[in-house]
Structures are given as C-alpha cells and as structure tokens.
Amino acid sequence: LIQTNKIEKFPIILVGSDYWGGLINWIKQVLMQQHKAISPEDMDLIHLVDTPKEVTGILNAFYKQYQLSPNF
C-alpha cells in the first residue's frame, strides 16, 4: 500500500535478522528477481534490525525527515 501511495509512508521495521532474514531473501529472490513484482527501491521501505537502539534511530530519523511529532 505504501509503494502504490494508497497509504502514507511510515517505517516498516522488522526486528530480528535471524527471524526475518529468510523472508527478506525470498522477497529479493522471488518477488524482485524472478517475477519483477517489486523494484530494488521498494526494499528501502523495509528496515531489518536487531536492537532497540536501531529501531529508535529509524523512528527518530523518520520523524525528523518529515518534520512530524510522534503521537505517543
């Protein structure tokens, strides 16, 4: 929905590279390379991290970039 502009952009953060790594590899190999269903730029919408510090860094950068304030 983000890539087709049906909803506003927001960070998609997957925590745990051991857990989510297989899905990310499948997306790259099958959806991007084999079927050409997504572009490499679409992968920029997804952040794969392992620590809470990485999560807060992504969120802070997002809010700063779009000059937003979190609602929490």
PDB file of N, CA and C in Angstrom:
ATOM      1  N   LEU A   1       0.815  -1.192   0.000  1.00  0.00           N
ATOM      2  CA  LEU A   1       0.000   0.000   0.000  1.00  0.00           C
ATOM      3  C   LEU A   1       0.859   1.256   0.000  1.00  0.00           C
ATOM      4  N   ILE A   2       1.996   1.199   0.664  1.00  0.00           N
ATOM      5  CA  ILE A   2       2.895   2.358   0.663  1.00  0.00           C
ATOM      6  C   ILE A   2       3.444   2.578  -0.745  1.00  0.00           C
ATOM      7  N   GLN A   3       3.885   1.507  -1.400  1.00  0.00           N
ATOM      8  CA  GLN A   3       4.513   1.671  -2.708  1.00  0.00           C
ATOM      9  C   GLN A   3       3.529   2.142  -3.771  1.00  0.00           C
ATOM     10  N   THR A   4       2.238   1.938  -3.583  1.00  0.00           N
ATOM     11  CA  THR A   4       1.240   2.407  -4.548  1.00  0.00           C
ATOM     12  C   THR A   4       0.563   3.695  -4.074  1.00  0.00           C
ATOM     13  N   ASN A   5       1.090   4.280  -3.003  1.00  0.00           N
ATOM     14  CA  ASN A   5       0.582   5.541  -2.449  1.00  0.00           C
ATOM     15  C   ASN A   5      -0.868   5.469  -1.988  1.00  0.00           C
ATOM     16  N   LYS A   6      -1.301   4.294  -1.586  1.00  0.00           N
ATOM     17  CA  LYS A   6      -2.651   4.147  -1.040  1.00  0.00           C
ATOM     18  C   LYS A   6      -2.691   4.562   0.436  1.00  0.00           C
ATOM     19  N   ILE A   7      -1.541   4.479   1.098  1.00  0.00           N
ATOM     20  CA  ILE A   7      -1.402   4.973   2.460  1.00  0.00           C
ATOM     21  C   ILE A   7      -0.108   5.772   2.541  1.00  0.00           C
ATOM     22  N   GLU A   8      -0.033   6.630   3.545  1.00  0.00           N
ATOM     23  CA  GLU A   8       1.154   7.452   3.742  1.00  0.00           C
ATOM     24  C   GLU A   8       2.354   6.586   4.128  1.00  0.00           C
ATOM     25  N   LYS A   9       3.516   7.072   3.801  1.00  0.00           N
ATOM     26  CA  LYS A   9       4.748   6.365   4.112  1.00  0.00           C
ATOM     27  C   LYS A   9       4.986   6.358   5.622  1.00  0.00           C
ATOM     28  N   PHE A  10       5.427   5.226   6.123  1.00  0.00           N
ATOM     29  CA  PHE A  10       5.863   5.086   7.502  1.00  0.00           C
ATOM     30  C   PHE A  10       6.906   3.986   7.550  1.00  0.00           C
ATOM     31  N   PRO A  11       7.766   3.978   8.551  1.00  0.00           N
ATOM     32  CA  PRO A  11       8.814   2.959   8.600  1.00  0.00           C
ATOM     33  C   PRO A  11       8.248   1.569   8.893  1.00  0.00           C
ATOM     34  N   ILE A  12       8.658   0.619   8.095  1.00  0.00           N
ATOM     35  CA  ILE A  12       8.342  -0.787   8.350  1.00  0.00           C
ATOM     36  C   ILE A  12       9.611  -1.387   8.947  1.00  0.00           C
ATOM     37  N   ILE A  13       9.533  -1.759  10.206  1.00  0.00           N
ATOM     38  CA  ILE A  13      10.715  -2.219  10.924  1.00  0.00           C
ATOM     39  C   ILE A  13      10.496  -3.671  11.346  1.00  0.00           C
ATOM     40  N   LEU A  14      11.377  -4.537  10.883  1.00  0.00           N
ATOM     41  CA  LEU A  14      11.356  -5.947  11.269  1.00  0.00           C
ATOM     42  C   LEU A  14      12.524  -6.169  12.226  1.00  0.00           C
ATOM     43  N   VAL A  15      12.223  -6.615  13.422  1.00  0.00           N
ATOM     44  CA  VAL A  15      13.253  -6.795  14.441  1.00  0.00           C
ATOM     45  C   VAL A  15      13.634  -8.268  14.524  1.00  0.00           C
ATOM     46  N   GLY A  16      14.909  -8.528  14.295  1.00  0.00           N
ATOM     47  CA  GLY A  16      15.442  -9.888  14.376  1.00  0.00           C
ATOM     48  C   GLY A  16      15.865 -10.410  13.022  1.00  0.00           C
ATOM     49  N   SER A  17      17.111 -10.168  12.646  1.00  0.00           N
ATOM     50  CA  SER A  17      17.574 -10.607  11.327  1.00  0.00           C
ATOM     51  C   SER A  17      17.590 -12.133  11.198  1.00  0.00           C
ATOM     52  N   ASP A  18      17.829 -12.831  12.300  1.00  0.00           N
ATOM     53  CA  ASP A  18      17.778 -14.298  12.242  1.00  0.00           C
ATOM     54  C   ASP A  18      16.363 -14.771  11.917  1.00  0.00           C
ATOM     55  N   TYR A  19      15.368 -14.103  12.481  1.00  0.00           N
ATOM     56  CA  TYR A  19      13.978 -14.490  12.288  1.00  0.00           C
ATOM     57  C   TYR A  19      13.466 -14.068  10.904  1.00  0.00           C
ATOM     58  N   TRP A  20      13.689 -12.820  10.519  1.00  0.00           N
ATOM     59  CA  TRP A  20      13.126 -12.260   9.286  1.00  0.00           C
ATOM     60  C   TRP A  20      14.039 -12.402   8.068  1.00  0.00           C
ATOM     61  N   GLY A  21      15.289 -12.787   8.259  1.00  0.00           N
ATOM     62  CA  GLY A  21      16.245 -12.854   7.157  1.00  0.00           C
ATOM     63  C   GLY A  21      15.792 -13.733   6.002  1.00  0.00           C
ATOM     64  N   GLY A  22      15.185 -14.881   6.291  1.00  0.00           N
ATOM     65  CA  GLY A  22      14.708 -15.783   5.238  1.00  0.00           C
ATOM     66  C   GLY A  22      13.616 -15.153   4.397  1.00  0.00           C
ATOM     67  N   LEU A  23      12.711 -14.415   5.040  1.00  0.00           N
ATOM     68  CA  LEU A  23      11.648 -13.734   4.305  1.00  0.00           C
ATOM     69  C   LEU A  23      12.230 -12.662   3.393  1.00  0.00           C
ATOM     70  N   ILE A  24      13.162 -11.891   3.910  1.00  0.00           N
ATOM     71  CA  ILE A  24      13.785 -10.834   3.104  1.00  0.00           C
ATOM     72  C   ILE A  24      14.506 -11.439   1.902  1.00  0.00           C
ATOM     73  N   ASN A  25      15.230 -12.526   2.115  1.00  0.00           N
ATOM     74  CA  ASN A  25      15.910 -13.192   0.995  1.00  0.00           C
ATOM     75  C   ASN A  25      14.907 -13.699  -0.037  1.00  0.00           C
ATOM     76  N   TRP A  26      13.793 -14.264   0.417  1.00  0.00           N
ATOM     77  CA  TRP A  26      12.754 -14.747  -0.500  1.00  0.00           C
ATOM     78  C   TRP A  26      12.160 -13.587  -1.302  1.00  0.00           C
ATOM     79  N   ILE A  27      11.879 -12.495  -0.634  1.00  0.00           N
ATOM     80  CA  ILE A  27      11.337 -11.323  -1.325  1.00  0.00           C
ATOM     81  C   ILE A  27      12.296 -10.863  -2.422  1.00  0.00           C
ATOM     82  N   LYS A  28      13.578 -10.789  -2.089  1.00  0.00           N
ATOM     83  CA  LYS A  28      14.570 -10.344  -3.076  1.00  0.00           C
ATOM     84  C   LYS A  28      14.692 -11.324  -4.233  1.00  0.00           C
ATOM     85  N   GLN A  29      14.767 -12.616  -3.933  1.00  0.00           N
ATOM     86  CA  GLN A  29      14.980 -13.618  -4.976  1.00  0.00           C
ATOM     87  C   GLN A  29      13.741 -13.866  -5.818  1.00  0.00           C
ATOM     88  N   VAL A  30      12.603 -14.033  -5.181  1.00  0.00           N
ATOM     89  CA  VAL A  30      11.387 -14.420  -5.903  1.00  0.00           C
ATOM     90  C   VAL A  30      10.628 -13.202  -6.429  1.00  0.00           C
ATOM     91  N   LEU A  31      10.269 -12.300  -5.551  1.00  0.00           N
ATOM     92  CA  LEU A  31       9.447 -11.166  -5.979  1.00  0.00           C
ATOM     93  C   LEU A  31      10.225 -10.163  -6.825  1.00  0.00           C
ATOM     94  N   MET A  32      11.471  -9.894  -6.442  1.00  0.00           N
ATOM     95  CA  MET A  32      12.235  -8.873  -7.151  1.00  0.00           C
ATOM     96  C   MET A  32      12.945  -9.435  -8.388  1.00  0.00           C
ATOM     97  N   GLN A  33      13.668 -10.525  -8.246  1.00  0.00           N
ATOM     98  CA  GLN A  33      14.477 -11.032  -9.353  1.00  0.00           C
ATOM     99  C   GLN A  33      13.683 -11.902 -10.327  1.00  0.00           C
ATOM    100  N   GLN A  34      12.955 -12.883  -9.822  1.00  0.00           N
ATOM    101  CA  GLN A  34      12.249 -13.809 -10.710  1.00  0.00           C
ATOM    102  C   GLN A  34      11.007 -13.208 -11.339  1.00  0.00           C
ATOM    103  N   HIS A  35      10.163 -12.601 -10.513  1.00  0.00           N
ATOM    104  CA  HIS A  35       8.870 -12.131 -11.007  1.00  0.00           C
ATOM    105  C   HIS A  35       8.836 -10.644 -11.341  1.00  0.00           C
ATOM    106  N   LYS A  36       9.876  -9.927 -10.954  1.00  0.00           N
ATOM    107  CA  LYS A  36       9.937  -8.471 -11.208  1.00  0.00           C
ATOM    108  C   LYS A  36       8.690  -7.760 -10.667  1.00  0.00           C
ATOM    109  N   ALA A  37       8.166  -8.266  -9.551  1.00  0.00           N
ATOM    110  CA  ALA A  37       6.951  -7.708  -8.953  1.00  0.00           C
ATOM    111  C   ALA A  37       7.245  -6.467  -8.110  1.00  0.00           C
ATOM    112  N   ILE A  38       8.479  -6.323  -7.675  1.00  0.00           N
ATOM    113  CA  ILE A  38       8.879  -5.136  -6.925  1.00  0.00           C
ATOM    114  C   ILE A  38      10.227  -4.663  -7.453  1.00  0.00           C
ATOM    115  N   SER A  39      10.534  -3.408  -7.172  1.00  0.00           N
ATOM    116  CA  SER A  39      11.817  -2.848  -7.599  1.00  0.00           C
ATOM    117  C   SER A  39      12.778  -2.831  -6.410  1.00  0.00           C
ATOM    118  N   PRO A  40      14.060  -2.694  -6.677  1.00  0.00           N
ATOM    119  CA  PRO A  40      15.022  -2.605  -5.571  1.00  0.00           C
ATOM    120  C   PRO A  40      14.693  -1.458  -4.612  1.00  0.00           C
ATOM    121  N   GLU A  41      14.139  -0.365  -5.142  1.00  0.00           N
ATOM    122  CA  GLU A  41      13.789   0.767  -4.290  1.00  0.00           C
ATOM    123  C   GLU A  41      12.702   0.398  -3.273  1.00  0.00           C
ATOM    124  N   ASP A  42      11.844  -0.551  -3.629  1.00  0.00           N
ATOM    125  CA  ASP A  42      10.805  -0.982  -2.692  1.00  0.00           C
ATOM    126  C   ASP A  42      11.404  -1.600  -1.437  1.00  0.00           C
ATOM    127  N   MET A  43      12.575  -2.193  -1.567  1.00  0.00           N
ATOM    128  CA  MET A  43      13.222  -2.785  -0.405  1.00  0.00           C
ATOM    129  C   MET A  43      13.661  -1.721   0.596  1.00  0.00           C
ATOM    130  N   ASP A  44      13.797  -0.468   0.124  1.00  0.00           N
ATOM    131  CA  ASP A  44      14.157   0.622   1.029  1.00  0.00           C
ATOM    132  C   ASP A  44      13.039   0.927   2.022  1.00  0.00           C
ATOM    133  N   LEU A  45      11.839   0.424   1.768  1.00  0.00           N
ATOM    134  CA  LEU A  45      10.713   0.642   2.677  1.00  0.00           C
ATOM    135  C   LEU A  45      10.825  -0.222   3.929  1.00  0.00           C
ATOM    136  N   ILE A  46      11.633  -1.269   3.863  1.00  0.00           N
ATOM    137  CA  ILE A  46      11.733  -2.240   4.960  1.00  0.00           C
ATOM    138  C   ILE A  46      13.085  -2.089   5.646  1.00  0.00           C
ATOM    139  N   HIS A  47      13.053  -2.034   6.963  1.00  0.00           N
ATOM    140  CA  HIS A  47      14.270  -1.951   7.765  1.00  0.00           C
ATOM    141  C   HIS A  47      14.385  -3.226   8.589  1.00  0.00           C
ATOM    142  N   LEU A  48      15.478  -3.934   8.440  1.00  0.00           N
ATOM    143  CA  LEU A  48      15.739  -5.151   9.205  1.00  0.00           C
ATOM    144  C   LEU A  48      16.798  -4.820  10.251  1.00  0.00           C
ATOM    145  N   VAL A  49      16.425  -4.905  11.521  1.00  0.00           N
ATOM    146  CA  VAL A  49      17.324  -4.511  12.606  1.00  0.00           C
ATOM    147  C   VAL A  49      17.353  -5.577  13.699  1.00  0.00           C
ATOM    148  N   ASP A  50      18.286  -5.383  14.619  1.00  0.00           N
ATOM    149  CA  ASP A  50      18.438  -6.351  15.705  1.00  0.00           C
ATOM    150  C   ASP A  50      18.369  -5.750  17.104  1.00  0.00           C
ATOM    151  N   THR A  51      18.444  -4.427  17.201  1.00  0.00           N
ATOM    152  CA  THR A  51      18.497  -3.826  18.535  1.00  0.00           C
ATOM    153  C   THR A  51      17.446  -2.723  18.702  1.00  0.00           C
ATOM    154  N   PRO A  52      17.046  -2.490  19.945  1.00  0.00           N
ATOM    155  CA  PRO A  52      16.123  -1.380  20.195  1.00  0.00           C
ATOM    156  C   PRO A  52      16.706  -0.030  19.767  1.00  0.00           C
ATOM    157  N   LYS A  53      18.008   0.129  19.908  1.00  0.00           N
ATOM    158  CA  LYS A  53      18.659   1.385  19.505  1.00  0.00           C
ATOM    159  C   LYS A  53      18.485   1.626  18.004  1.00  0.00           C
ATOM    160  N   GLU A  54      18.584   0.573  17.202  1.00  0.00           N
ATOM    161  CA  GLU A  54      18.378   0.714  15.759  1.00  0.00           C
ATOM    162  C   GLU A  54      16.933   1.117  15.455  1.00  0.00           C
ATOM    163  N   VAL A  55      16.000   0.551  16.194  1.00  0.00           N
ATOM    164  CA  VAL A  55      14.580   0.891  15.998  1.00  0.00           C
ATOM    165  C   VAL A  55      14.355   2.368  16.286  1.00  0.00           C
ATOM    166  N   THR A  56      14.831   2.830  17.433  1.00  0.00           N
ATOM    167  CA  THR A  56      14.618   4.241  17.784  1.00  0.00           C
ATOM    168  C   THR A  56      15.341   5.171  16.819  1.00  0.00           C
ATOM    169  N   GLY A  57      16.492   4.751  16.313  1.00  0.00           N
ATOM    170  CA  GLY A  57      17.208   5.565  15.333  1.00  0.00           C
ATOM    171  C   GLY A  57      16.402   5.745  14.051  1.00  0.00           C
ATOM    172  N   ILE A  58      15.784   4.672  13.578  1.00  0.00           N
ATOM    173  CA  ILE A  58      14.962   4.727  12.368  1.00  0.00           C
ATOM    174  C   ILE A  58      13.737   5.603  12.598  1.00  0.00           C
ATOM    175  N   LEU A  59      13.084   5.423  13.730  1.00  0.00           N
ATOM    176  CA  LEU A  59      11.898   6.225  14.040  1.00  0.00           C
ATOM    177  C   LEU A  59      12.245   7.708  14.177  1.00  0.00           C
ATOM    178  N   ASN A  60      13.324   8.008  14.887  1.00  0.00           N
ATOM    179  CA  ASN A  60      13.733   9.403  15.046  1.00  0.00           C
ATOM    180  C   ASN A  60      14.084  10.039  13.708  1.00  0.00           C
ATOM    181  N   ALA A  61      14.794   9.314  12.860  1.00  0.00           N
ATOM    182  CA  ALA A  61      15.151   9.845  11.539  1.00  0.00           C
ATOM    183  C   ALA A  61      13.911  10.089  10.694  1.00  0.00           C
ATOM    184  N   PHE A  62      12.937   9.184  10.770  1.00  0.00           N
ATOM    185  CA  PHE A  62      11.698   9.340  10.009  1.00  0.00           C
ATOM    186  C   PHE A  62      10.953  10.599  10.446  1.00  0.00           C
ATOM    187  N   TYR A  63      10.762  10.749  11.760  1.00  0.00           N
ATOM    188  CA  TYR A  63      10.027  11.909  12.257  1.00  0.00           C
ATOM    189  C   TYR A  63      10.762  13.212  11.945  1.00  0.00           C
ATOM    190  N   LYS A  64      12.081  13.185  12.020  1.00  0.00           N
ATOM    191  CA  LYS A  64      12.864  14.383  11.711  1.00  0.00           C
ATOM    192  C   LYS A  64      12.770  14.717  10.223  1.00  0.00           C
ATOM    193  N   GLN A  65      12.890  13.723   9.361  1.00  0.00           N
ATOM    194  CA  GLN A  65      12.861  13.938   7.915  1.00  0.00           C
ATOM    195  C   GLN A  65      11.540  14.559   7.464  1.00  0.00           C
ATOM    196  N   TYR A  66      10.448  14.090   8.010  1.00  0.00           N
ATOM    197  CA  TYR A  66       9.127  14.571   7.593  1.00  0.00           C
ATOM    198  C   TYR A  66       8.560  15.636   8.538  1.00  0.00           C
ATOM    199  N   GLN A  67       9.406  16.106   9.463  1.00  0.00           N
ATOM    200  CA  GLN A  67       9.030  17.148  10.412  1.00  0.00           C
ATOM    201  C   GLN A  67       7.717  16.821  11.118  1.00  0.00           C
ATOM    202  N   LEU A  68       7.636  15.600  11.607  1.00  0.00           N
ATOM    203  CA  LEU A  68       6.463  15.126  12.325  1.00  0.00           C
ATOM    204  C   LEU A  68       6.781  14.970  13.800  1.00  0.00           C
ATOM    205  N   SER A  69       5.753  14.889  14.590  1.00  0.00           N
ATOM    206  CA  SER A  69       5.906  14.580  16.008  1.00  0.00           C
ATOM    207  C   SER A  69       5.182  13.272  16.279  1.00  0.00           C
ATOM    208  N   PRO A  70       5.817  12.365  17.010  1.00  0.00           N
ATOM    209  CA  PRO A  70       5.118  11.113  17.319  1.00  0.00           C
ATOM    210  C   PRO A  70       3.894  11.386  18.177  1.00  0.00           C
ATOM    211  N   ASN A  71       2.892  10.531  18.048  1.00  0.00           N
ATOM    212  CA  ASN A  71       1.661  10.714  18.826  1.00  0.00           C
ATOM    213  C   ASN A  71       1.674   9.875  20.100  1.00  0.00           C
ATOM    214  N   PHE A  72       2.837   9.620  20.607  1.00  0.00           N
ATOM    215  CA  PHE A  72       2.960   8.864  21.858  1.00  0.00           C
ATOM    216  C   PHE A  72       3.914   9.562  22.789  1.00  0.00           C
TER     217      PHE A  72
END
